Structure formats: structure tokens, C-alpha cells
Amino acid sequence: MFTTTIAGVLSISFAAIFSFTLLSKLVERMVSLSVGIMLSTSFLHALPRAFEAGTDPRSLFACLLGGLLAFFLLEKFAVLRHSHHHEGDGHHHEHGHDAHEAGKSGWMILIGDGLHNFTDGILIAAAFLADPSLGIVTALAIIAHEIPQEVGDFIVLLNAGFSRARAYFYNLICSLMSVLGGVIGYYTLDQANSLIPYVLVLASSGFIYIAVSDLMPQMQRRASLKETIPQIILVTAGVALVLLMTQHLH
């Protein structure tokens, strides 16, 4: 409960700080750091832990494939339903078009975030049941990913007419759905230990899909040497951070 609460509050608070003040440069840097954290959490900790549990590897690989395809379809439907953008993003619409579109979907964004955070809580609970150190690095990976995502949501909500305080309040409520997901996941999965490896694999499929299909393409759009060197350094830092944390916690 403590970890899911901290994960929710920190991700929303940092996203609010970036959205209201520092924004672009730090968020761009967070993308590179997130890639290192998410991929190292998946490949170096969550997946090995799942495969060490004695479950049939073929069923776990099938779960990984199904998870990747499921995230692809979820993203596809989300893109088809609504394209998120804001005034001055480079798209050519009549003035006020984006605010009108965001206004229609502002509450849908909050509902979607609430469900997403509820799922994150379940994933953190499953990781803690497998290994407390894995639970902490999973929460770290979720925080690192959530900050850039929540910045985008803040922009849409502000553009939809939400005040800063109201946007922060509703985003915080949605973020704390992870606590509810964590409690339910802990007591449900504690009674069904055989499900934990599958939940860890699903969590990994989500991290891998987000890193490879969403975050890394953003990094590739900045192909100059001046941009590439900091990206490599931050990806490496993300991997090193996960390794250092897990070694210290063990």
C-alpha cells in the first residue's frame, strides 16, 4: 500500500511540476531514462523471476506474445477513438479545435487513467509477492513511465478548461486507484500463487511494448549526435539504477 501510494503521488506530482513549469526538456530526458528502467526491469528481473517459478515456459511465452498483441490492440483502439493533441502542436486546425476535442474527451482520459493505474497496482502487488526487491523496481519503472504520460494528460486537461488545481486533484484521485488495485491484487494473488508468473510476464509485455513502440521511436526522431549521446547515457543510467537498487535490496 505504501509503495503504490508513493508511486501514484510521486508520478502525479512530478508530472504536475513539469507540466506547469519546466516541461519539455526534462520530459524528453525522462523518456530515455524510462526506456532503460523499463527494459532492464523486464528482462533482468521480472521475466527471469517468472521463468524460475517452474511454470511451463511455452505457456509463459504464449502469455508474453498475447500481452504484446493485447497492448497493440488497446493502443490501436485508443488511437482510433481519439487523437490527443493540443493548441500549437503543429497540426493545422481552426483555432479552438483542440480545446473542443479535449473538452469532449477530458473525462474519458481520467476514466482510462484510473483503470490503467488500477492495473499498475495489481502488477506491483504481484511483483512484491514474487520478491520485495522486484516490487520496488517495478514501482520505479511505473513511476518513470507514468511521468511523461501524465504530462501529456495534464496538457489535454488544461486545454479542456480544467484549472491547474482541478487537473492535479482529479489526476491524483485516478493515480491512487493503484492503491486499490494493489490491495485487491495482493489478497487475490496471495491465494493463487500459480498466477503470479503470468502477471509478471504480462507486466513485462506492457513495459517492453511501451518502451519499444512508444518511447524508443520518440528517441529516434532526435537523431543528431548532440541528442543521441545524452539518450545513450540516460538509458545506461536507467539500467544501472535498476541493477544497483536490486543488488542493494538483496
C-alpha atoms as a PDB file:
ATOM      1  CA  MET A   1       0.000   0.000   0.000  1.00  0.00           C
ATOM      2  CA  PHE A   2       2.856   2.360   0.871  1.00  0.00           C
ATOM      3  CA  THR A   3       4.656   1.706  -2.418  1.00  0.00           C
ATOM      4  CA  THR A   4       1.562   2.077  -4.610  1.00  0.00           C
ATOM      5  CA  THR A   5       0.640   5.298  -2.786  1.00  0.00           C
ATOM      6  CA  ILE A   6       4.141   6.742  -3.175  1.00  0.00           C
ATOM      7  CA  ALA A   7       4.241   5.669  -6.842  1.00  0.00           C
ATOM      8  CA  GLY A   8       0.950   7.413  -7.528  1.00  0.00           C
ATOM      9  CA  VAL A   9       1.695  10.615  -5.620  1.00  0.00           C
ATOM     10  CA  LEU A  10       5.250  10.979  -6.952  1.00  0.00           C
ATOM     11  CA  SER A  11       4.346  10.382 -10.609  1.00  0.00           C
ATOM     12  CA  ILE A  12       1.449  12.856 -10.495  1.00  0.00           C
ATOM     13  CA  SER A  13       3.382  15.490  -8.533  1.00  0.00           C
ATOM     14  CA  PHE A  14       6.438  15.395 -10.780  1.00  0.00           C
ATOM     15  CA  ALA A  15       4.208  15.423 -13.874  1.00  0.00           C
ATOM     16  CA  ALA A  16       2.428  18.495 -12.491  1.00  0.00           C
ATOM     17  CA  ILE A  17       5.756  20.262 -11.829  1.00  0.00           C
ATOM     18  CA  PHE A  18       6.960  19.523 -15.356  1.00  0.00           C
ATOM     19  CA  SER A  19       3.624  20.487 -16.918  1.00  0.00           C
ATOM     20  CA  PHE A  20       3.269  23.764 -15.022  1.00  0.00           C
ATOM     21  CA  THR A  21       6.903  24.893 -15.021  1.00  0.00           C
ATOM     22  CA  LEU A  22       9.849  23.000 -16.508  1.00  0.00           C
ATOM     23  CA  LEU A  23       8.023  20.799 -19.055  1.00  0.00           C
ATOM     24  CA  SER A  24       9.707  19.994 -22.349  1.00  0.00           C
ATOM     25  CA  LYS A  25      13.428  19.410 -21.787  1.00  0.00           C
ATOM     26  CA  LEU A  26      13.122  17.350 -18.615  1.00  0.00           C
ATOM     27  CA  VAL A  27      10.261  15.283 -20.038  1.00  0.00           C
ATOM     28  CA  GLU A  28      12.352  14.486 -23.114  1.00  0.00           C
ATOM     29  CA  ARG A  29      15.136  13.288 -20.830  1.00  0.00           C
ATOM     30  CA  MET A  30      12.683  11.189 -18.775  1.00  0.00           C
ATOM     31  CA  VAL A  31      11.795   9.228 -21.919  1.00  0.00           C
ATOM     32  CA  SER A  32      15.376   7.938 -22.298  1.00  0.00           C
ATOM     33  CA  LEU A  33      15.657   7.119 -18.600  1.00  0.00           C
ATOM     34  CA  SER A  34      12.303   5.310 -18.727  1.00  0.00           C
ATOM     35  CA  VAL A  35      13.495   3.055 -21.565  1.00  0.00           C
ATOM     36  CA  GLY A  36      16.493   1.867 -19.536  1.00  0.00           C
ATOM     37  CA  ILE A  37      14.437   1.292 -16.394  1.00  0.00           C
ATOM     38  CA  MET A  38      11.541  -0.486 -18.096  1.00  0.00           C
ATOM     39  CA  LEU A  39      13.608  -2.807 -20.285  1.00  0.00           C
ATOM     40  CA  SER A  40      16.038  -3.751 -17.504  1.00  0.00           C
ATOM     41  CA  THR A  41      13.163  -4.367 -15.067  1.00  0.00           C
ATOM     42  CA  SER A  42      11.508  -6.656 -17.621  1.00  0.00           C
ATOM     43  CA  PHE A  43      14.486  -8.606 -18.977  1.00  0.00           C
ATOM     44  CA  LEU A  44      16.749  -8.725 -15.928  1.00  0.00           C
ATOM     45  CA  HIS A  45      14.212  -9.203 -13.136  1.00  0.00           C
ATOM     46  CA  ALA A  46      10.524  -9.789 -13.866  1.00  0.00           C
ATOM     47  CA  LEU A  47      10.897 -12.326 -16.692  1.00  0.00           C
ATOM     48  CA  PRO A  48      13.694 -14.350 -15.021  1.00  0.00           C
ATOM     49  CA  ARG A  49      11.638 -14.434 -11.819  1.00  0.00           C
ATOM     50  CA  ALA A  50       8.584 -15.678 -13.743  1.00  0.00           C
ATOM     51  CA  PHE A  51      10.528 -18.411 -15.559  1.00  0.00           C
ATOM     52  CA  GLU A  52      12.232 -19.546 -12.344  1.00  0.00           C
ATOM     53  CA  ALA A  53       8.831 -20.329 -10.798  1.00  0.00           C
ATOM     54  CA  GLY A  54       8.645 -23.715 -12.527  1.00  0.00           C
ATOM     55  CA  THR A  55       5.740 -22.835 -14.829  1.00  0.00           C
ATOM     56  CA  ASP A  56       5.735 -24.323 -18.349  1.00  0.00           C
ATOM     57  CA  PRO A  57       7.964 -21.953 -20.421  1.00  0.00           C
ATOM     58  CA  ARG A  58       5.782 -22.375 -23.521  1.00  0.00           C
ATOM     59  CA  SER A  59       2.725 -21.131 -21.670  1.00  0.00           C
ATOM     60  CA  LEU A  60       4.691 -18.142 -20.357  1.00  0.00           C
ATOM     61  CA  PHE A  61       5.987 -17.306 -23.852  1.00  0.00           C
ATOM     62  CA  ALA A  62       2.405 -17.591 -25.136  1.00  0.00           C
ATOM     63  CA  CYS A  63       1.352 -15.196 -22.373  1.00  0.00           C
ATOM     64  CA  LEU A  64       4.140 -12.789 -23.391  1.00  0.00           C
ATOM     65  CA  LEU A  65       3.037 -12.919 -27.044  1.00  0.00           C
ATOM     66  CA  GLY A  66      -0.607 -12.450 -26.057  1.00  0.00           C
ATOM     67  CA  GLY A  67       0.313  -9.497 -23.846  1.00  0.00           C
ATOM     68  CA  LEU A  68       2.248  -7.751 -26.622  1.00  0.00           C
ATOM     69  CA  LEU A  69      -0.615  -8.232 -29.082  1.00  0.00           C
ATOM     70  CA  ALA A  70      -3.170  -7.115 -26.487  1.00  0.00           C
ATOM     71  CA  PHE A  71      -1.264  -3.883 -25.822  1.00  0.00           C
ATOM     72  CA  PHE A  72      -1.026  -3.299 -29.571  1.00  0.00           C
ATOM     73  CA  LEU A  73      -4.792  -3.668 -29.947  1.00  0.00           C
ATOM     74  CA  LEU A  74      -5.533  -1.499 -26.907  1.00  0.00           C
ATOM     75  CA  GLU A  75      -3.322   1.256 -28.289  1.00  0.00           C
ATOM     76  CA  LYS A  76      -4.883   0.859 -31.738  1.00  0.00           C
ATOM     77  CA  PHE A  77      -8.404   1.283 -30.395  1.00  0.00           C
ATOM     78  CA  ALA A  78      -7.329   4.257 -28.276  1.00  0.00           C
ATOM     79  CA  VAL A  79      -5.770   5.929 -31.313  1.00  0.00           C
ATOM     80  CA  LEU A  80      -8.850   5.254 -33.410  1.00  0.00           C
ATOM     81  CA  ARG A  81     -11.154   6.615 -30.710  1.00  0.00           C
ATOM     82  CA  HIS A  82      -9.368   9.892 -30.202  1.00  0.00           C
ATOM     83  CA  SER A  83      -6.162  11.613 -31.210  1.00  0.00           C
ATOM     84  CA  HIS A  84      -4.686  13.606 -28.326  1.00  0.00           C
ATOM     85  CA  HIS A  85      -3.092  16.914 -29.213  1.00  0.00           C
ATOM     86  CA  HIS A  86      -3.119  20.498 -28.013  1.00  0.00           C
ATOM     87  CA  GLU A  87      -3.089  24.011 -29.401  1.00  0.00           C
ATOM     88  CA  GLY A  88       0.170  24.815 -31.117  1.00  0.00           C
ATOM     89  CA  ASP A  89       1.246  21.210 -31.592  1.00  0.00           C
ATOM     90  CA  GLY A  90       1.916  21.730 -35.280  1.00  0.00           C
ATOM     91  CA  HIS A  91      -1.363  20.280 -36.625  1.00  0.00           C
ATOM     92  CA  HIS A  92      -3.472  22.605 -38.741  1.00  0.00           C
ATOM     93  CA  HIS A  93      -6.945  23.067 -37.247  1.00  0.00           C
ATOM     94  CA  GLU A  94      -9.149  26.065 -36.736  1.00  0.00           C
ATOM     95  CA  HIS A  95      -8.447  27.966 -33.535  1.00  0.00           C
ATOM     96  CA  GLY A  96     -10.105  26.273 -30.574  1.00  0.00           C
ATOM     97  CA  HIS A  97     -10.477  22.915 -32.330  1.00  0.00           C
ATOM     98  CA  ASP A  98      -8.130  21.115 -29.929  1.00  0.00           C
ATOM     99  CA  ALA A  99      -9.735  22.587 -26.819  1.00  0.00           C
ATOM    100  CA  HIS A 100     -13.127  21.484 -28.105  1.00  0.00           C
ATOM    101  CA  GLU A 101     -11.880  17.960 -28.802  1.00  0.00           C
ATOM    102  CA  ALA A 102     -10.087  17.747 -25.462  1.00  0.00           C
ATOM    103  CA  GLY A 103     -13.172  19.000 -23.664  1.00  0.00           C
ATOM    104  CA  LYS A 104     -15.213  16.139 -25.078  1.00  0.00           C
ATOM    105  CA  SER A 105     -12.678  13.547 -24.006  1.00  0.00           C
ATOM    106  CA  GLY A 106     -11.278  15.007 -20.761  1.00  0.00           C
ATOM    107  CA  TRP A 107     -13.374  12.781 -18.523  1.00  0.00           C
ATOM    108  CA  MET A 108     -12.688   9.763 -20.736  1.00  0.00           C
ATOM    109  CA  ILE A 109      -8.974  10.364 -20.228  1.00  0.00           C
ATOM    110  CA  LEU A 110      -9.458  10.347 -16.456  1.00  0.00           C
ATOM    111  CA  ILE A 111     -11.508   7.135 -16.557  1.00  0.00           C
ATOM    112  CA  GLY A 112      -8.887   5.453 -18.739  1.00  0.00           C
ATOM    113  CA  ASP A 113      -6.112   6.604 -16.414  1.00  0.00           C
ATOM    114  CA  GLY A 114      -7.984   5.252 -13.394  1.00  0.00           C
ATOM    115  CA  LEU A 115      -8.301   1.800 -14.966  1.00  0.00           C
ATOM    116  CA  HIS A 116      -4.675   1.865 -16.089  1.00  0.00           C
ATOM    117  CA  ASN A 117      -3.464   2.785 -12.607  1.00  0.00           C
ATOM    118  CA  PHE A 118      -5.675   0.091 -11.048  1.00  0.00           C
ATOM    119  CA  THR A 119      -3.868  -2.444 -13.248  1.00  0.00           C
ATOM    120  CA  ASP A 120      -0.481  -0.983 -12.266  1.00  0.00           C
ATOM    121  CA  GLY A 121      -1.369  -1.609  -8.616  1.00  0.00           C
ATOM    122  CA  ILE A 122      -2.074  -5.279  -9.361  1.00  0.00           C
ATOM    123  CA  LEU A 123       1.262  -5.584 -11.167  1.00  0.00           C
ATOM    124  CA  ILE A 124       3.141  -4.031  -8.233  1.00  0.00           C
ATOM    125  CA  ALA A 125       1.390  -6.435  -5.838  1.00  0.00           C
ATOM    126  CA  ALA A 126       2.339  -9.433  -7.989  1.00  0.00           C
ATOM    127  CA  ALA A 127       5.955  -8.267  -8.105  1.00  0.00           C
ATOM    128  CA  PHE A 128       6.068  -7.865  -4.306  1.00  0.00           C
ATOM    129  CA  LEU A 129       4.639 -11.348  -3.818  1.00  0.00           C
ATOM    130  CA  ALA A 130       7.385 -12.749  -6.051  1.00  0.00           C
ATOM    131  CA  ASP A 131      10.197 -10.731  -4.445  1.00  0.00           C
ATOM    132  CA  PRO A 132      10.101  -7.436  -2.451  1.00  0.00           C
ATOM    133  CA  SER A 133      13.070  -6.040  -4.382  1.00  0.00           C
ATOM    134  CA  LEU A 134      11.276  -6.793  -7.659  1.00  0.00           C
ATOM    135  CA  GLY A 135       8.227  -4.972  -6.294  1.00  0.00           C
ATOM    136  CA  ILE A 136      10.274  -1.831  -5.663  1.00  0.00           C
ATOM    137  CA  VAL A 137      11.950  -1.778  -9.090  1.00  0.00           C
ATOM    138  CA  THR A 138       8.576  -2.469 -10.739  1.00  0.00           C
ATOM    139  CA  ALA A 139       7.135   0.548  -8.920  1.00  0.00           C
ATOM    140  CA  LEU A 140      10.168   2.566 -10.039  1.00  0.00           C
ATOM    141  CA  ALA A 141       9.608   1.540 -13.662  1.00  0.00           C
ATOM    142  CA  ILE A 142       5.930   2.503 -13.422  1.00  0.00           C
ATOM    143  CA  ILE A 143       6.808   5.916 -11.929  1.00  0.00           C
ATOM    144  CA  ALA A 144       9.364   6.567 -14.682  1.00  0.00           C
ATOM    145  CA  HIS A 145       6.841   5.715 -17.385  1.00  0.00           C
ATOM    146  CA  GLU A 146       3.902   7.497 -15.777  1.00  0.00           C
ATOM    147  CA  ILE A 147       5.586  10.926 -15.528  1.00  0.00           C
ATOM    148  CA  PRO A 148       5.855  11.581 -19.314  1.00  0.00           C
ATOM    149  CA  GLN A 149       2.392  10.049 -19.860  1.00  0.00           C
ATOM    150  CA  GLU A 150       0.787  12.143 -17.130  1.00  0.00           C
ATOM    151  CA  VAL A 151       2.403  15.306 -18.502  1.00  0.00           C
ATOM    152  CA  GLY A 152       0.519  14.672 -21.748  1.00  0.00           C
ATOM    153  CA  ASP A 153      -2.704  14.142 -19.813  1.00  0.00           C
ATOM    154  CA  PHE A 154      -2.174  17.373 -17.871  1.00  0.00           C
ATOM    155  CA  ILE A 155      -1.773  19.274 -21.133  1.00  0.00           C
ATOM    156  CA  VAL A 156      -5.008  17.823 -22.514  1.00  0.00           C
ATOM    157  CA  LEU A 157      -6.949  18.551 -19.298  1.00  0.00           C
ATOM    158  CA  LEU A 158      -5.637  22.118 -19.043  1.00  0.00           C
ATOM    159  CA  ASN A 159      -6.554  22.644 -22.685  1.00  0.00           C
ATOM    160  CA  ALA A 160     -10.029  21.274 -21.906  1.00  0.00           C
ATOM    161  CA  GLY A 161     -10.608  24.064 -19.376  1.00  0.00           C
ATOM    162  CA  PHE A 162      -9.532  22.387 -16.140  1.00  0.00           C
ATOM    163  CA  SER A 163      -7.753  24.687 -13.683  1.00  0.00           C
ATOM    164  CA  ARG A 164      -4.295  23.561 -12.530  1.00  0.00           C
ATOM    165  CA  ALA A 165      -5.628  22.638  -9.091  1.00  0.00           C
ATOM    166  CA  ARG A 166      -8.589  20.717 -10.553  1.00  0.00           C
ATOM    167  CA  ALA A 167      -6.412  18.870 -13.091  1.00  0.00           C
ATOM    168  CA  TYR A 168      -3.980  17.898 -10.308  1.00  0.00           C
ATOM    169  CA  PHE A 169      -6.786  16.798  -7.954  1.00  0.00           C
ATOM    170  CA  TYR A 170      -8.565  14.555 -10.469  1.00  0.00           C
ATOM    171  CA  ASN A 171      -5.308  13.090 -11.763  1.00  0.00           C
ATOM    172  CA  LEU A 172      -4.250  12.343  -8.179  1.00  0.00           C
ATOM    173  CA  ILE A 173      -7.554  10.535  -7.464  1.00  0.00           C
ATOM    174  CA  CYS A 174      -7.098   8.455 -10.628  1.00  0.00           C
ATOM    175  CA  SER A 175      -3.481   7.720  -9.722  1.00  0.00           C
ATOM    176  CA  LEU A 176      -4.459   6.460  -6.262  1.00  0.00           C
ATOM    177  CA  MET A 177      -6.590   3.778  -7.933  1.00  0.00           C
ATOM    178  CA  SER A 178      -3.267   1.907  -7.961  1.00  0.00           C
ATOM    179  CA  VAL A 179      -3.621   1.509  -4.177  1.00  0.00           C
ATOM    180  CA  LEU A 180      -6.976  -0.227  -4.621  1.00  0.00           C
ATOM    181  CA  GLY A 181      -5.502  -2.413  -7.364  1.00  0.00           C
ATOM    182  CA  GLY A 182      -2.527  -3.228  -5.132  1.00  0.00           C
ATOM    183  CA  VAL A 183      -4.699  -4.319  -2.193  1.00  0.00           C
ATOM    184  CA  ILE A 184      -7.003  -6.439  -4.367  1.00  0.00           C
ATOM    185  CA  GLY A 185      -4.037  -7.908  -6.249  1.00  0.00           C
ATOM    186  CA  TYR A 186      -2.178  -8.745  -3.046  1.00  0.00           C
ATOM    187  CA  TYR A 187      -5.020 -10.660  -1.438  1.00  0.00           C
ATOM    188  CA  THR A 188      -6.193 -12.280  -4.676  1.00  0.00           C
ATOM    189  CA  LEU A 189      -2.777 -13.381  -5.903  1.00  0.00           C
ATOM    190  CA  ASP A 190      -1.717 -14.442  -2.412  1.00  0.00           C
ATOM    191  CA  GLN A 191      -4.408 -17.120  -2.652  1.00  0.00           C
ATOM    192  CA  ALA A 192      -3.348 -18.104  -6.166  1.00  0.00           C
ATOM    193  CA  ASN A 193       0.448 -18.157  -6.313  1.00  0.00           C
ATOM    194  CA  SER A 194       0.364 -20.024  -9.620  1.00  0.00           C
ATOM    195  CA  LEU A 195      -0.945 -16.838 -11.290  1.00  0.00           C
ATOM    196  CA  ILE A 196       1.983 -14.650 -10.198  1.00  0.00           C
ATOM    197  CA  PRO A 197       4.374 -15.742 -13.027  1.00  0.00           C
ATOM    198  CA  TYR A 198       1.699 -14.895 -15.611  1.00  0.00           C
ATOM    199  CA  VAL A 199       1.065 -11.470 -14.098  1.00  0.00           C
ATOM    200  CA  LEU A 200       4.811 -10.774 -14.096  1.00  0.00           C
ATOM    201  CA  VAL A 201       5.003 -11.765 -17.768  1.00  0.00           C
ATOM    202  CA  LEU A 202       2.029  -9.530 -18.603  1.00  0.00           C
ATOM    203  CA  ALA A 203       3.668  -6.665 -16.743  1.00  0.00           C
ATOM    204  CA  SER A 204       6.851  -7.257 -18.716  1.00  0.00           C
ATOM    205  CA  SER A 205       4.965  -7.342 -22.010  1.00  0.00           C
ATOM    206  CA  GLY A 206       3.486  -3.945 -21.145  1.00  0.00           C
ATOM    207  CA  PHE A 207       6.872  -2.452 -20.248  1.00  0.00           C
ATOM    208  CA  ILE A 208       8.517  -3.902 -23.378  1.00  0.00           C
ATOM    209  CA  TYR A 209       5.714  -2.762 -25.674  1.00  0.00           C
ATOM    210  CA  ILE A 210       5.662   0.779 -24.273  1.00  0.00           C
ATOM    211  CA  ALA A 211       9.455   1.098 -24.463  1.00  0.00           C
ATOM    212  CA  VAL A 212       9.825  -0.325 -27.977  1.00  0.00           C
ATOM    213  CA  SER A 213       6.707   1.001 -29.713  1.00  0.00           C
ATOM    214  CA  ASP A 214       6.230   4.352 -27.998  1.00  0.00           C
ATOM    215  CA  LEU A 215       9.309   5.673 -26.194  1.00  0.00           C
ATOM    216  CA  MET A 216      12.139   4.493 -28.455  1.00  0.00           C
ATOM    217  CA  PRO A 217      10.513   5.882 -31.643  1.00  0.00           C
ATOM    218  CA  GLN A 218      10.342   9.260 -29.864  1.00  0.00           C
ATOM    219  CA  MET A 219      14.071   8.992 -29.220  1.00  0.00           C
ATOM    220  CA  GLN A 220      14.772   8.012 -32.833  1.00  0.00           C
ATOM    221  CA  ARG A 221      13.160  11.217 -34.065  1.00  0.00           C
ATOM    222  CA  ARG A 222      16.073  13.057 -32.439  1.00  0.00           C
ATOM    223  CA  ALA A 223      18.883  11.531 -34.484  1.00  0.00           C
ATOM    224  CA  SER A 224      21.638  14.133 -34.139  1.00  0.00           C
ATOM    225  CA  LEU A 225      24.812  13.209 -32.259  1.00  0.00           C
ATOM    226  CA  LYS A 226      24.077  16.005 -29.787  1.00  0.00           C
ATOM    227  CA  GLU A 227      20.763  14.348 -28.882  1.00  0.00           C
ATOM    228  CA  THR A 228      21.930  10.730 -29.187  1.00  0.00           C
ATOM    229  CA  ILE A 229      24.767  10.893 -26.634  1.00  0.00           C
ATOM    230  CA  PRO A 230      22.522  12.047 -23.718  1.00  0.00           C
ATOM    231  CA  GLN A 231      19.959   9.395 -24.723  1.00  0.00           C
ATOM    232  CA  ILE A 232      22.561   6.604 -24.534  1.00  0.00           C
ATOM    233  CA  ILE A 233      23.858   7.920 -21.213  1.00  0.00           C
ATOM    234  CA  LEU A 234      20.346   8.068 -19.710  1.00  0.00           C
ATOM    235  CA  VAL A 235      19.315   4.622 -20.992  1.00  0.00           C
ATOM    236  CA  THR A 236      22.515   3.223 -19.446  1.00  0.00           C
ATOM    237  CA  ALA A 237      21.792   5.146 -16.248  1.00  0.00           C
ATOM    238  CA  GLY A 238      18.311   3.607 -16.109  1.00  0.00           C
ATOM    239  CA  VAL A 239      19.732   0.085 -16.420  1.00  0.00           C
ATOM    240  CA  ALA A 240      22.445   0.822 -13.849  1.00  0.00           C
ATOM    241  CA  LEU A 241      19.887   2.284 -11.437  1.00  0.00           C
ATOM    242  CA  VAL A 242      17.788  -0.882 -11.541  1.00  0.00           C
ATOM    243  CA  LEU A 243      20.870  -3.102 -11.092  1.00  0.00           C
ATOM    244  CA  LEU A 244      22.175  -1.045  -8.175  1.00  0.00           C
ATOM    245  CA  MET A 245      18.798  -0.960  -6.448  1.00  0.00           C
ATOM    246  CA  THR A 246      18.226  -4.696  -6.739  1.00  0.00           C
ATOM    247  CA  GLN A 247      21.754  -5.588  -5.595  1.00  0.00           C
ATOM    248  CA  HIS A 248      21.409  -3.271  -2.608  1.00  0.00           C
ATOM    249  CA  LEU A 249      17.938  -4.637  -1.729  1.00  0.00           C
ATOM    250  CA  HIS A 250      19.151  -8.229  -1.980  1.00  0.00           C
END
